Amino acid sequence: MPTYEYECEDCGAFTQMRPMSQCDLPSECPQCGAMAPRAFLTAPYFAGMSAERRLAFATNERSAHAPRTLASLGGKHGAGCACCSPTSSRKVKRGRNGAKSFPSTRPWMLSH
């Protein structure tokens, strides 16, 4: 059963567990018994999320409207990419078909 917040004019804010069907109805104040309307004092559930989950939600929210693609990056993989970075210490060779190869790296390692 969810917890909702209410604010009594005389006693202040309080929380109460109620069925979802009664979430919009006023609740009785536990101290004075007056009917108190529902109040939105804190963000629902968001404060209880782990840092990883908040980061995932924020990432999804950013990419929902304008996702970043390789074309939007100008053909580069991003700031951390060793093969496209202008300050890269690796030597990148490109074949005639545009494929990248890294002759100074280990041959069994895969690249993107």
N, C-alpha and C. Protein backbone atom coordinates (compact mmCIF):
# COMPACT_ATOMS: atom_id res chain seq x y z
N MET A 1 0.85 -1.17 0.00
CA MET A 1 0.00 0.00 0.00
C MET A 1 0.90 1.24 0.00
N PRO A 2 0.64 2.22 -0.88
CA PRO A 2 1.50 3.40 -0.97
C PRO A 2 1.31 4.37 0.20
N THR A 3 2.34 5.15 0.43
CA THR A 3 2.32 6.17 1.46
C THR A 3 2.09 7.53 0.81
N TYR A 4 1.15 8.31 1.33
CA TYR A 4 0.85 9.63 0.80
C TYR A 4 1.09 10.67 1.88
N GLU A 5 1.37 11.89 1.45
CA GLU A 5 1.63 12.99 2.37
C GLU A 5 0.43 13.93 2.39
N TYR A 6 0.09 14.38 3.57
CA TYR A 6 -1.02 15.31 3.76
C TYR A 6 -0.54 16.45 4.64
N GLU A 7 -1.21 17.60 4.54
CA GLU A 7 -0.80 18.74 5.36
C GLU A 7 -2.02 19.35 6.05
N CYS A 8 -2.01 19.24 7.37
CA CYS A 8 -3.06 19.81 8.20
C CYS A 8 -2.75 21.29 8.41
N GLU A 9 -3.76 22.15 8.34
CA GLU A 9 -3.55 23.59 8.53
C GLU A 9 -3.05 23.91 9.93
N ASP A 10 -3.50 23.15 10.93
CA ASP A 10 -3.13 23.43 12.32
C ASP A 10 -1.88 22.67 12.77
N CYS A 11 -1.76 21.40 12.39
CA CYS A 11 -0.70 20.54 12.93
C CYS A 11 0.50 20.37 12.01
N GLY A 12 0.36 20.62 10.73
CA GLY A 12 1.47 20.47 9.82
C GLY A 12 1.37 19.19 8.99
N ALA A 13 2.49 18.78 8.42
CA ALA A 13 2.51 17.65 7.49
C ALA A 13 2.53 16.31 8.23
N PHE A 14 1.91 15.31 7.61
CA PHE A 14 1.95 13.93 8.10
C PHE A 14 1.81 12.98 6.92
N THR A 15 2.21 11.74 7.13
CA THR A 15 2.10 10.72 6.09
C THR A 15 1.12 9.65 6.53
N GLN A 16 0.51 9.00 5.54
CA GLN A 16 -0.45 7.96 5.86
C GLN A 16 -0.48 6.95 4.71
N MET A 17 -0.57 5.66 5.07
CA MET A 17 -0.71 4.61 4.07
C MET A 17 -2.19 4.46 3.74
N ARG A 18 -2.49 4.53 2.43
CA ARG A 18 -3.87 4.43 1.97
C ARG A 18 -3.91 3.68 0.65
N PRO A 19 -5.05 3.11 0.30
CA PRO A 19 -5.18 2.48 -1.01
C PRO A 19 -5.08 3.53 -2.12
N MET A 20 -4.64 3.12 -3.29
CA MET A 20 -4.48 4.05 -4.40
C MET A 20 -5.82 4.67 -4.81
N SER A 21 -6.89 3.97 -4.61
CA SER A 21 -8.20 4.51 -4.98
C SER A 21 -8.60 5.70 -4.11
N GLN A 22 -7.94 5.88 -2.96
CA GLN A 22 -8.26 6.98 -2.05
C GLN A 22 -7.18 8.06 -2.02
N CYS A 23 -6.29 8.05 -3.00
CA CYS A 23 -5.14 8.96 -2.94
C CYS A 23 -5.54 10.43 -3.06
N ASP A 24 -6.59 10.75 -3.80
CA ASP A 24 -6.98 12.15 -3.98
C ASP A 24 -7.93 12.66 -2.89
N LEU A 25 -8.44 11.79 -2.06
CA LEU A 25 -9.37 12.20 -1.01
C LEU A 25 -8.62 12.78 0.18
N PRO A 26 -9.19 13.74 0.89
CA PRO A 26 -8.54 14.26 2.09
C PRO A 26 -8.48 13.18 3.17
N SER A 27 -7.52 13.33 4.07
CA SER A 27 -7.32 12.35 5.14
C SER A 27 -7.49 13.02 6.50
N GLU A 28 -7.85 12.22 7.47
CA GLU A 28 -8.04 12.74 8.82
C GLU A 28 -6.68 12.91 9.50
N CYS A 29 -6.45 14.08 10.07
CA CYS A 29 -5.20 14.36 10.78
C CYS A 29 -5.14 13.48 12.03
N PRO A 30 -4.02 12.79 12.27
CA PRO A 30 -3.93 11.91 13.43
C PRO A 30 -3.88 12.66 14.76
N GLN A 31 -3.55 13.95 14.77
CA GLN A 31 -3.45 14.70 16.02
C GLN A 31 -4.75 15.41 16.40
N CYS A 32 -5.34 16.14 15.43
CA CYS A 32 -6.52 16.93 15.78
C CYS A 32 -7.82 16.39 15.18
N GLY A 33 -7.72 15.49 14.20
CA GLY A 33 -8.90 14.89 13.61
C GLY A 33 -9.52 15.69 12.47
N ALA A 34 -8.95 16.85 12.11
CA ALA A 34 -9.47 17.65 11.01
C ALA A 34 -9.10 17.00 9.68
N MET A 35 -9.91 17.27 8.65
CA MET A 35 -9.63 16.72 7.32
C MET A 35 -8.53 17.56 6.66
N ALA A 36 -7.50 16.88 6.17
CA ALA A 36 -6.35 17.55 5.58
C ALA A 36 -6.21 17.14 4.11
N PRO A 37 -5.94 18.09 3.21
CA PRO A 37 -5.76 17.74 1.80
C PRO A 37 -4.39 17.10 1.56
N ARG A 38 -4.31 16.38 0.46
CA ARG A 38 -3.04 15.76 0.09
C ARG A 38 -2.05 16.84 -0.32
N ALA A 39 -0.78 16.65 0.05
CA ALA A 39 0.29 17.59 -0.27
C ALA A 39 1.42 16.83 -0.96
N PHE A 40 2.11 17.50 -1.86
CA PHE A 40 3.27 16.92 -2.54
C PHE A 40 4.51 17.60 -1.99
N LEU A 41 5.09 17.01 -0.94
CA LEU A 41 6.20 17.63 -0.23
C LEU A 41 7.56 17.10 -0.68
N THR A 42 7.62 15.86 -1.13
CA THR A 42 8.87 15.28 -1.62
C THR A 42 8.62 14.62 -2.95
N ALA A 43 9.69 14.41 -3.71
CA ALA A 43 9.58 13.74 -4.99
C ALA A 43 9.26 12.27 -4.74
N PRO A 44 8.28 11.72 -5.42
CA PRO A 44 7.89 10.33 -5.15
C PRO A 44 8.96 9.35 -5.60
N TYR A 45 9.39 8.48 -4.69
CA TYR A 45 10.27 7.34 -4.92
C TYR A 45 11.67 7.70 -5.40
N PHE A 46 11.85 8.86 -6.00
CA PHE A 46 13.14 9.17 -6.61
C PHE A 46 14.25 9.23 -5.57
N ALA A 47 13.96 9.71 -4.39
CA ALA A 47 14.99 9.83 -3.36
C ALA A 47 15.46 8.46 -2.88
N GLY A 48 14.64 7.43 -3.04
CA GLY A 48 15.01 6.10 -2.58
C GLY A 48 15.77 5.28 -3.61
N MET A 49 16.03 5.82 -4.78
CA MET A 49 16.73 5.07 -5.82
C MET A 49 18.23 5.05 -5.58
N SER A 50 18.87 4.00 -6.05
CA SER A 50 20.32 3.93 -5.96
C SER A 50 20.93 4.89 -6.98
N ALA A 51 22.19 5.22 -6.80
CA ALA A 51 22.87 6.13 -7.72
C ALA A 51 22.91 5.56 -9.13
N GLU A 52 23.12 4.26 -9.25
CA GLU A 52 23.18 3.64 -10.57
C GLU A 52 21.84 3.75 -11.29
N ARG A 53 20.77 3.54 -10.56
CA ARG A 53 19.44 3.60 -11.18
C ARG A 53 19.08 5.03 -11.57
N ARG A 54 19.44 6.02 -10.72
CA ARG A 54 19.20 7.42 -11.08
C ARG A 54 19.98 7.79 -12.33
N LEU A 55 21.23 7.32 -12.45
CA LEU A 55 22.04 7.59 -13.63
C LEU A 55 21.42 6.96 -14.87
N ALA A 56 20.91 5.75 -14.74
CA ALA A 56 20.26 5.09 -15.88
C ALA A 56 19.01 5.85 -16.31
N PHE A 57 18.21 6.31 -15.36
CA PHE A 57 17.01 7.09 -15.70
C PHE A 57 17.40 8.40 -16.37
N ALA A 58 18.43 9.07 -15.85
CA ALA A 58 18.86 10.34 -16.44
C ALA A 58 19.39 10.13 -17.86
N THR A 59 20.15 9.07 -18.07
CA THR A 59 20.67 8.77 -19.41
C THR A 59 19.54 8.48 -20.37
N ASN A 60 18.57 7.69 -19.95
CA ASN A 60 17.43 7.39 -20.81
C ASN A 60 16.62 8.64 -21.11
N GLU A 61 16.47 9.52 -20.14
CA GLU A 61 15.70 10.74 -20.36
C GLU A 61 16.41 11.65 -21.36
N ARG A 62 17.74 11.76 -21.27
CA ARG A 62 18.48 12.59 -22.22
C ARG A 62 18.38 12.04 -23.63
N SER A 63 18.47 10.72 -23.76
CA SER A 63 18.48 10.14 -25.10
C SER A 63 17.09 9.94 -25.68
N ALA A 64 16.04 10.16 -24.91
CA ALA A 64 14.68 9.94 -25.41
C ALA A 64 14.31 10.95 -26.50
N HIS A 65 14.80 12.17 -26.39
CA HIS A 65 14.41 13.22 -27.32
C HIS A 65 15.40 13.37 -28.46
N ALA A 66 16.66 13.25 -28.20
CA ALA A 66 17.68 13.42 -29.24
C ALA A 66 18.83 12.45 -28.97
N PRO A 67 18.67 11.19 -29.36
CA PRO A 67 19.75 10.24 -29.10
C PRO A 67 21.01 10.58 -29.88
N ARG A 68 22.15 10.33 -29.27
CA ARG A 68 23.43 10.58 -29.92
C ARG A 68 23.77 9.40 -30.81
N THR A 69 24.11 9.67 -32.03
CA THR A 69 24.51 8.63 -32.97
C THR A 69 25.92 8.92 -33.44
N LEU A 70 26.53 7.95 -34.11
CA LEU A 70 27.88 8.18 -34.64
C LEU A 70 27.89 9.30 -35.66
N ALA A 71 26.81 9.41 -36.44
CA ALA A 71 26.74 10.48 -37.43
C ALA A 71 26.72 11.85 -36.75
N SER A 72 26.04 11.96 -35.61
CA SER A 72 25.99 13.24 -34.91
C SER A 72 27.32 13.61 -34.27
N LEU A 73 28.18 12.63 -34.08
CA LEU A 73 29.51 12.89 -33.53
C LEU A 73 30.51 13.26 -34.60
N GLY A 74 30.08 13.31 -35.85
CA GLY A 74 30.98 13.67 -36.94
C GLY A 74 31.88 12.53 -37.36
N GLY A 75 31.42 11.31 -37.21
CA GLY A 75 32.23 10.16 -37.61
C GLY A 75 33.21 9.71 -36.56
N LYS A 76 33.25 10.40 -35.43
CA LYS A 76 34.16 10.02 -34.35
C LYS A 76 33.39 9.21 -33.32
N HIS A 77 34.10 8.44 -32.54
CA HIS A 77 33.47 7.60 -31.54
C HIS A 77 33.27 8.34 -30.23
N GLY A 78 33.87 9.46 -30.04
CA GLY A 78 33.70 10.21 -28.80
C GLY A 78 35.04 10.59 -28.20
N ALA A 79 34.98 11.28 -27.08
CA ALA A 79 36.19 11.83 -26.46
C ALA A 79 37.14 10.76 -25.93
N GLY A 80 36.62 9.63 -25.48
CA GLY A 80 37.47 8.61 -24.89
C GLY A 80 38.00 7.59 -25.88
N CYS A 81 37.67 7.71 -27.14
CA CYS A 81 38.07 6.72 -28.14
C CYS A 81 39.55 6.91 -28.50
N ALA A 82 40.33 5.86 -28.40
CA ALA A 82 41.76 5.95 -28.67
C ALA A 82 42.05 5.99 -30.17
N CYS A 83 41.17 5.43 -30.99
CA CYS A 83 41.47 5.40 -32.43
C CYS A 83 41.10 6.70 -33.13
N CYS A 84 40.19 7.50 -32.59
CA CYS A 84 39.74 8.72 -33.25
C CYS A 84 40.26 9.98 -32.57
N SER A 85 40.79 9.86 -31.39
CA SER A 85 41.23 11.02 -30.64
C SER A 85 42.44 11.65 -31.32
N PRO A 86 42.46 12.98 -31.46
CA PRO A 86 43.61 13.64 -32.09
C PRO A 86 44.89 13.52 -31.27
N THR A 87 44.76 13.29 -29.99
CA THR A 87 45.95 13.17 -29.14
C THR A 87 46.30 11.71 -28.87
N SER A 88 45.80 10.82 -29.69
CA SER A 88 46.02 9.40 -29.48
C SER A 88 47.49 9.04 -29.68
N SER A 89 48.00 8.18 -28.82
CA SER A 89 49.38 7.75 -28.96
C SER A 89 49.48 6.53 -29.89
N ARG A 90 48.36 5.93 -30.20
CA ARG A 90 48.36 4.79 -31.10
C ARG A 90 48.47 5.23 -32.55
N LYS A 91 49.07 4.40 -33.34
CA LYS A 91 49.12 4.63 -34.78
C LYS A 91 47.99 3.84 -35.41
N VAL A 92 47.12 4.51 -36.10
CA VAL A 92 45.99 3.87 -36.76
C VAL A 92 46.25 3.86 -38.25
N LYS A 93 46.11 2.69 -38.84
CA LYS A 93 46.22 2.58 -40.28
C LYS A 93 44.86 2.23 -40.84
N ARG A 94 44.54 2.81 -41.97
CA ARG A 94 43.28 2.52 -42.63
C ARG A 94 43.56 1.81 -43.95
N GLY A 95 42.75 0.79 -44.20
CA GLY A 95 42.86 0.06 -45.46
C GLY A 95 42.15 0.80 -46.57
N ARG A 96 42.20 0.24 -47.79
CA ARG A 96 41.56 0.88 -48.93
C ARG A 96 40.04 0.96 -48.76
N ASN A 97 39.48 0.02 -48.04
CA ASN A 97 38.02 0.02 -47.83
C ASN A 97 37.62 0.85 -46.62
N GLY A 98 38.56 1.52 -45.94
CA GLY A 98 38.25 2.35 -44.79
C GLY A 98 38.36 1.64 -43.46
N ALA A 99 38.66 0.33 -43.48
CA ALA A 99 38.77 -0.43 -42.24
C ALA A 99 40.00 0.03 -41.45
N LYS A 100 39.86 0.08 -40.15
CA LYS A 100 40.95 0.49 -39.27
C LYS A 100 41.76 -0.71 -38.84
N SER A 101 43.06 -0.51 -38.70
CA SER A 101 43.91 -1.54 -38.11
C SER A 101 44.89 -0.84 -37.18
N PHE A 102 45.30 -1.57 -36.16
CA PHE A 102 46.21 -1.03 -35.16
C PHE A 102 47.45 -1.93 -35.14
N PRO A 103 48.44 -1.67 -35.95
CA PRO A 103 49.58 -2.58 -36.06
C PRO A 103 50.42 -2.68 -34.80
N SER A 104 50.38 -1.67 -33.92
CA SER A 104 51.21 -1.72 -32.72
C SER A 104 50.52 -2.45 -31.57
N THR A 105 49.28 -2.89 -31.74
CA THR A 105 48.55 -3.57 -30.66
C THR A 105 48.63 -5.08 -30.81
N ARG A 106 48.11 -5.75 -29.85
CA ARG A 106 48.09 -7.20 -29.88
C ARG A 106 47.09 -7.69 -30.92
N PRO A 107 47.43 -8.64 -31.74
CA PRO A 107 46.53 -9.04 -32.82
C PRO A 107 45.26 -9.77 -32.34
N TRP A 108 45.26 -10.32 -31.14
CA TRP A 108 44.09 -11.05 -30.68
C TRP A 108 43.06 -10.14 -30.00
N MET A 109 43.38 -8.88 -29.80
CA MET A 109 42.44 -7.95 -29.18
C MET A 109 41.48 -7.40 -30.23
N LEU A 110 40.23 -7.28 -29.86
CA LEU A 110 39.22 -6.76 -30.78
C LEU A 110 39.07 -5.27 -30.61
N SER A 111 38.77 -4.60 -31.67
CA SER A 111 38.52 -3.17 -31.64
C SER A 111 37.08 -2.93 -32.04
N HIS A 112 36.60 -1.70 -31.95
CA HIS A 112 35.23 -1.41 -32.34
C HIS A 112 35.14 -0.99 -33.76
